N, C-alpha and C. Protein backbone atom coordinates (compact mmCIF):
# COMPACT_ATOMS: atom_id res chain seq x y z
N UNK A 1 132.48 104.95 103.28
CA UNK A 1 132.82 104.26 105.07
C UNK A 1 133.96 103.61 105.19
N UNK A 2 134.42 104.78 106.41
CA UNK A 2 136.11 103.68 106.42
C UNK A 2 135.55 102.59 107.43
N UNK A 3 137.20 102.01 107.06
CA UNK A 3 137.78 100.89 107.98
C UNK A 3 136.71 99.51 107.70
N UNK A 4 136.46 99.59 107.22
CA UNK A 4 135.88 98.08 106.73
C UNK A 4 136.78 97.38 106.89
N UNK A 5 136.40 95.98 107.51
CA UNK A 5 136.71 94.69 107.50
C UNK A 5 137.20 93.64 106.67
N UNK A 6 137.54 93.35 105.59
CA UNK A 6 137.39 92.37 104.36
C UNK A 6 137.58 90.74 104.82
N UNK A 7 136.76 90.34 104.46
CA UNK A 7 137.26 88.83 104.37
C UNK A 7 137.76 87.39 103.73
N UNK A 8 136.97 88.01 102.36
CA UNK A 8 137.65 87.41 101.57
C UNK A 8 137.15 88.44 99.75
N UNK A 9 138.20 88.31 98.96
CA UNK A 9 138.32 89.20 98.33
C UNK A 9 138.43 88.50 96.98
N UNK A 10 137.61 88.50 95.78
CA UNK A 10 138.34 88.07 94.59
C UNK A 10 138.73 88.70 93.31
N UNK A 11 138.37 88.63 92.24
CA UNK A 11 137.73 89.53 90.99
C UNK A 11 136.39 89.75 91.06
N UNK A 12 135.27 88.68 91.62
CA UNK A 12 133.66 88.44 91.78
C UNK A 12 132.84 88.96 92.67
N UNK A 13 133.49 88.53 94.04
CA UNK A 13 133.08 89.03 95.77
C UNK A 13 133.69 89.48 95.96
N UNK A 14 132.99 90.03 96.99
CA UNK A 14 134.05 91.12 98.57
C UNK A 14 133.69 90.84 99.60
N UNK A 15 133.87 90.36 100.33
CA UNK A 15 132.69 89.95 101.79
C UNK A 15 134.09 90.78 102.63
N UNK A 16 132.42 91.18 103.37
CA UNK A 16 133.44 92.43 104.77
C UNK A 16 132.46 91.92 105.62
N UNK A 17 133.19 92.72 107.05
CA UNK A 17 132.44 92.42 108.50
C UNK A 17 131.03 93.34 109.19
N UNK A 18 130.59 93.52 109.32
CA UNK A 18 129.69 94.51 108.92
C UNK A 18 130.17 95.26 110.44
N UNK A 19 130.34 96.60 110.84
CA UNK A 19 130.71 96.88 111.82
C UNK A 19 129.24 96.19 112.88
N UNK A 20 130.22 96.44 113.94
CA UNK A 20 130.14 95.74 115.15
C UNK A 20 129.11 97.62 115.66
N UNK A 21 128.21 97.65 116.88
CA UNK A 21 127.84 98.22 117.80
C UNK A 21 128.09 99.52 118.45
N UNK A 22 128.86 99.41 118.91
CA UNK A 22 130.41 99.55 119.66
C UNK A 22 130.94 100.48 118.55
N UNK A 23 131.53 100.08 117.53
CA UNK A 23 131.86 101.24 116.65
C UNK A 23 131.47 101.40 115.36
N UNK A 24 129.85 101.46 115.28
CA UNK A 24 129.37 102.34 114.15
C UNK A 24 128.72 103.97 115.01
N UNK A 25 128.65 104.37 116.27
CA UNK A 25 128.32 105.65 116.47
C UNK A 25 130.01 106.67 115.76
N UNK A 26 130.94 105.59 115.55
CA UNK A 26 132.35 106.05 115.09
C UNK A 26 132.01 106.76 113.39
N UNK A 27 131.83 105.86 112.66
CA UNK A 27 131.56 105.70 111.02
C UNK A 27 130.77 106.19 111.45
N UNK A 28 129.47 106.81 111.66
CA UNK A 28 128.80 107.85 111.44
C UNK A 28 129.28 108.89 111.16
N UNK A 29 130.14 109.26 112.57
CA UNK A 29 130.35 110.72 113.01
C UNK A 29 131.46 110.72 111.93
N UNK A 30 132.20 109.83 111.22
CA UNK A 30 133.62 109.95 110.65
C UNK A 30 132.24 110.89 109.32
N UNK A 31 131.51 109.40 108.78
CA UNK A 31 130.34 109.88 107.37
C UNK A 31 129.80 111.88 108.14
N UNK A 32 129.73 111.77 108.85
CA UNK A 32 129.19 113.39 108.77
C UNK A 32 130.12 114.30 108.61
N UNK A 33 131.56 114.12 109.19
CA UNK A 33 132.56 114.68 109.33
C UNK A 33 133.10 115.25 107.40
N UNK A 34 133.17 113.78 107.12
CA UNK A 34 133.46 113.32 105.63
C UNK A 34 132.50 114.65 104.78
N UNK A 35 131.33 114.22 104.95
CA UNK A 35 130.41 115.64 103.91
C UNK A 35 130.83 116.48 104.39
N UNK A 36 131.30 117.35 105.02
CA UNK A 36 131.82 118.84 106.03
C UNK A 36 130.57 119.25 105.72
N UNK A 37 129.43 119.26 105.72
CA UNK A 37 127.80 120.19 105.74
C UNK A 37 127.04 119.03 106.66
N UNK A 38 126.01 119.58 107.26
CA UNK A 38 124.93 118.81 107.56
C UNK A 38 124.19 118.41 106.52
N UNK A 39 123.39 116.25 107.08
CA UNK A 39 122.99 116.16 106.19
C UNK A 39 121.35 115.38 106.85
N UNK A 40 121.22 114.77 105.97
CA UNK A 40 119.85 114.42 106.60
C UNK A 40 119.78 112.81 107.08
N UNK A 41 119.18 112.46 107.66
CA UNK A 41 119.01 111.29 107.96
C UNK A 41 119.31 110.33 107.00
N UNK A 42 118.39 110.30 106.39
CA UNK A 42 117.86 109.68 105.20
C UNK A 42 119.54 109.55 104.55
N UNK A 43 120.55 110.44 104.04
CA UNK A 43 121.70 110.75 103.09
C UNK A 43 122.48 109.49 104.83
N UNK A 44 122.98 109.45 104.74
CA UNK A 44 123.44 108.56 106.37
C UNK A 44 123.00 107.02 106.21
N UNK A 45 121.17 107.53 106.14
CA UNK A 45 120.63 105.83 105.35
C UNK A 45 121.22 105.48 104.34
N UNK A 46 121.15 105.96 103.72
CA UNK A 46 122.38 105.70 101.79
C UNK A 46 122.78 104.84 102.22
N UNK A 47 124.25 106.02 103.41
CA UNK A 47 125.64 105.52 102.76
C UNK A 47 125.92 104.45 104.05
N UNK A 48 124.95 103.90 104.52
CA UNK A 48 124.93 102.65 105.16
C UNK A 48 124.15 101.71 104.51
N UNK A 49 123.35 101.50 103.72
CA UNK A 49 122.87 100.42 102.52
C UNK A 49 123.66 99.34 102.74
N UNK A 50 123.27 98.43 103.13
CA UNK A 50 123.78 97.16 102.70
C UNK A 50 125.01 96.69 103.24
N UNK A 51 124.61 97.38 104.42
CA UNK A 51 125.74 97.35 105.69
C UNK A 51 125.53 97.00 106.99
N UNK A 52 124.71 98.37 107.51
CA UNK A 52 123.54 98.20 108.90
C UNK A 52 122.43 98.47 108.37
N UNK A 53 121.35 98.14 109.01
CA UNK A 53 119.76 99.38 109.13
C UNK A 53 119.55 99.88 109.36
N UNK A 54 118.91 100.21 109.16
CA UNK A 54 118.51 101.52 109.74
C UNK A 54 117.94 102.17 111.22
N UNK A 55 117.54 100.87 111.46
CA UNK A 55 117.52 100.97 113.18
C UNK A 55 118.67 100.91 113.80
N UNK A 56 119.67 100.93 113.27
CA UNK A 56 121.30 100.60 113.88
C UNK A 56 122.31 102.25 113.42
N UNK A 57 121.65 102.21 112.05
CA UNK A 57 122.20 103.67 112.37
C UNK A 57 121.41 105.54 112.91
N UNK A 58 119.98 104.76 113.35
CA UNK A 58 118.90 105.62 114.36
C UNK A 58 119.05 105.55 115.82
N UNK A 59 119.66 104.48 116.28
CA UNK A 59 120.78 104.38 117.21
C UNK A 59 121.91 104.77 117.38
N UNK A 60 123.07 105.26 116.56
CA UNK A 60 124.42 105.72 116.43
C UNK A 60 124.01 106.87 116.58
N UNK A 61 122.93 107.52 116.01
CA UNK A 61 123.11 108.43 115.90
C UNK A 61 122.25 109.43 117.14
N UNK A 62 121.29 108.83 117.97
CA UNK A 62 120.41 108.91 119.11
C UNK A 62 121.57 109.42 120.55
N UNK A 63 122.82 108.11 120.29
CA UNK A 63 123.62 108.33 120.88
C UNK A 63 125.44 109.02 120.77
N UNK A 64 124.88 109.55 119.77
CA UNK A 64 126.31 110.65 118.89
C UNK A 64 124.95 112.42 119.41
N UNK A 65 123.59 112.40 119.66
CA UNK A 65 123.00 113.87 119.49
C UNK A 65 123.16 113.50 121.73
N UNK A 66 122.30 112.75 122.17
CA UNK A 66 123.28 112.27 123.64
C UNK A 66 124.36 112.85 123.89
N UNK A 67 125.49 112.77 123.64
CA UNK A 67 127.24 113.30 124.15
C UNK A 67 127.85 114.29 123.65
N UNK A 68 125.97 114.78 122.84
CA UNK A 68 126.72 115.69 122.45
C UNK A 68 127.38 116.37 120.88
N UNK A 69 127.71 114.90 120.61
CA UNK A 69 129.27 115.40 120.17
C UNK A 69 128.36 115.31 118.16
N UNK A 70 127.10 115.73 117.90
CA UNK A 70 127.22 116.33 117.14
C UNK A 70 124.84 116.41 117.64
N UNK A 71 125.20 117.74 116.50
CA UNK A 71 123.49 118.59 116.71
C UNK A 71 122.44 118.15 115.74
N UNK A 72 121.31 118.71 115.96
CA UNK A 72 120.25 118.70 114.96
C UNK A 72 120.35 119.91 114.76
N UNK A 73 119.86 120.33 113.89
CA UNK A 73 119.36 121.32 113.47
C UNK A 73 117.89 121.66 113.30
N UNK A 74 117.04 122.83 112.57
CA UNK A 74 116.37 123.10 112.46
C UNK A 74 115.02 122.53 111.60
N UNK A 75 115.98 122.06 110.74
CA UNK A 75 115.29 121.68 109.43
C UNK A 75 115.26 119.91 109.50
N UNK A 76 115.49 120.02 110.56
CA UNK A 76 116.35 118.27 110.43
C UNK A 76 118.06 117.25 110.34
N UNK A 77 118.82 118.49 109.86
CA UNK A 77 119.53 118.14 109.41
C UNK A 77 120.37 117.54 110.76
N UNK A 78 121.27 117.06 110.70
CA UNK A 78 122.62 116.71 111.56
C UNK A 78 123.78 117.44 110.79
N UNK A 79 124.36 117.49 111.96
CA UNK A 79 125.63 118.35 111.56
C UNK A 79 126.58 118.32 112.67
N UNK A 80 127.99 118.01 113.05
CA UNK A 80 129.06 118.94 114.01
C UNK A 80 128.73 119.88 114.47
N UNK A 81 129.44 120.48 115.98
CA UNK A 81 129.12 121.42 116.61
C UNK A 81 129.18 122.69 115.83
N UNK A 82 130.43 122.25 115.58
CA UNK A 82 130.85 123.33 114.69
C UNK A 82 130.79 123.54 112.86
N UNK A 83 130.15 122.84 113.19
CA UNK A 83 129.25 122.81 111.64
C UNK A 83 128.44 124.21 111.12
N UNK A 84 128.22 124.91 110.17
CA UNK A 84 127.35 126.08 109.80
C UNK A 84 126.49 125.43 109.09
N UNK A 85 124.72 126.33 109.94
CA UNK A 85 123.66 125.71 108.54
C UNK A 85 123.70 127.16 108.35
N UNK A 86 122.93 126.52 107.72
CA UNK A 86 122.18 127.58 106.08
C UNK A 86 121.01 127.56 106.02
N UNK A 87 120.60 128.36 106.60
CA UNK A 87 118.95 127.87 105.67
C UNK A 87 119.10 127.68 104.29
N UNK A 88 117.65 126.84 103.91
CA UNK A 88 117.64 127.04 102.45
C UNK A 88 115.91 127.51 102.05
N UNK A 89 115.99 127.31 101.26
CA UNK A 89 115.06 128.37 100.29
C UNK A 89 113.49 127.98 100.36
N UNK A 90 113.64 126.35 101.26
CA UNK A 90 112.67 125.51 101.93
C UNK A 90 113.26 125.14 102.73
N UNK A 91 112.84 125.09 104.27
CA UNK A 91 113.18 124.86 105.59
C UNK A 91 111.78 124.07 105.83
N UNK A 92 111.87 122.81 105.93
CA UNK A 92 110.73 121.78 107.06
C UNK A 92 111.15 121.81 108.47
N UNK A 93 109.95 122.17 109.23
CA UNK A 93 110.33 122.47 110.64
C UNK A 93 109.66 120.86 111.27
N UNK A 94 110.86 119.63 111.22
CA UNK A 94 110.09 118.46 112.12
C UNK A 94 108.84 118.66 113.33
N UNK A 95 108.00 117.89 112.87
CA UNK A 95 107.22 117.95 114.01
C UNK A 95 107.57 117.17 115.43
N UNK A 96 108.65 116.29 115.54
CA UNK A 96 109.09 115.13 116.38
C UNK A 96 110.75 116.14 116.50
N UNK A 97 110.80 115.51 117.86
CA UNK A 97 112.18 115.58 117.98
C UNK A 97 112.47 113.96 118.81
N UNK A 98 113.47 113.64 118.49
CA UNK A 98 115.07 112.87 118.07
C UNK A 98 114.44 112.27 120.22
N UNK A 99 114.52 111.47 120.59
CA UNK A 99 115.08 111.48 121.61
C UNK A 99 116.67 110.87 121.99
N UNK A 100 117.41 112.03 122.52
CA UNK A 100 118.45 111.26 122.41
C UNK A 100 118.65 110.61 123.95
N UNK A 101 120.10 108.98 123.20
CA UNK A 101 119.52 107.83 124.38
C UNK A 101 120.95 107.25 124.06
N UNK A 102 122.02 107.16 125.18
CA UNK A 102 123.36 106.47 125.09
C UNK A 102 123.01 105.16 124.58
N UNK A 103 123.96 104.31 123.80
CA UNK A 103 123.72 103.05 123.27
C UNK A 103 124.39 102.33 124.53
N UNK A 104 123.97 100.59 125.06
CA UNK A 104 124.54 100.13 125.61
C UNK A 104 126.07 99.56 125.22
N UNK A 105 126.79 100.12 125.00
CA UNK A 105 127.84 99.87 124.50
C UNK A 105 129.57 99.75 124.99
N UNK A 106 130.19 99.13 125.40
CA UNK A 106 131.27 98.87 126.16
C UNK A 106 133.08 98.23 125.55
N UNK A 107 132.46 98.02 123.87
CA UNK A 107 133.58 97.12 123.13
C UNK A 107 133.19 95.88 123.48
N UNK A 108 134.43 94.98 122.88
CA UNK A 108 134.15 93.22 122.99
C UNK A 108 134.39 93.09 124.10
N UNK A 109 133.65 91.60 124.85
CA UNK A 109 133.50 91.63 125.78
C UNK A 109 133.71 89.79 125.37
N UNK A 110 134.51 89.65 126.46
CA UNK A 110 134.39 87.72 126.58
C UNK A 110 133.85 87.37 127.92
N UNK A 111 132.87 86.53 127.20
CA UNK A 111 131.66 85.83 127.81
C UNK A 111 132.18 84.92 128.72
N UNK A 112 132.33 84.92 130.07
CA UNK A 112 133.12 83.39 130.52
C UNK A 112 132.02 82.39 131.71
N UNK A 113 132.13 81.38 131.08
CA UNK A 113 130.77 80.51 131.67
C UNK A 113 131.34 79.54 132.56
N UNK A 114 130.78 79.64 133.96
CA UNK A 114 130.84 78.41 134.37
C UNK A 114 130.59 76.99 134.73
N UNK A 115 130.93 76.20 134.66
CA UNK A 115 130.01 74.71 134.77
C UNK A 115 130.15 74.24 135.52
N UNK A 116 128.47 73.81 136.44
CA UNK A 116 128.47 73.80 138.12
C UNK A 116 128.40 71.68 137.86
């Protein structure tokens, strides 16, 4: 997974900052492109395990599907629109389609408080 922010590191321990919600769709997209083939959702969850939870990965995938940056193939694998999908001997048909929804992300925001 690219662009990890290291807070502290020594020979025994490595402390990193988890990606923010607005950074996660780009990281998921890069992970899919890096694989070079359509990937299952569970592969993405394993890739990001220990860093972000499954629900945050699901929201990022849904966001990318809504933007049409990635596509879902008939067997449920996810890939970029230019990836070639080759059906394998065992093709699972998805029973439920993912509902593509945009995330409410705008990058880092500053909150201004007014004291009255």
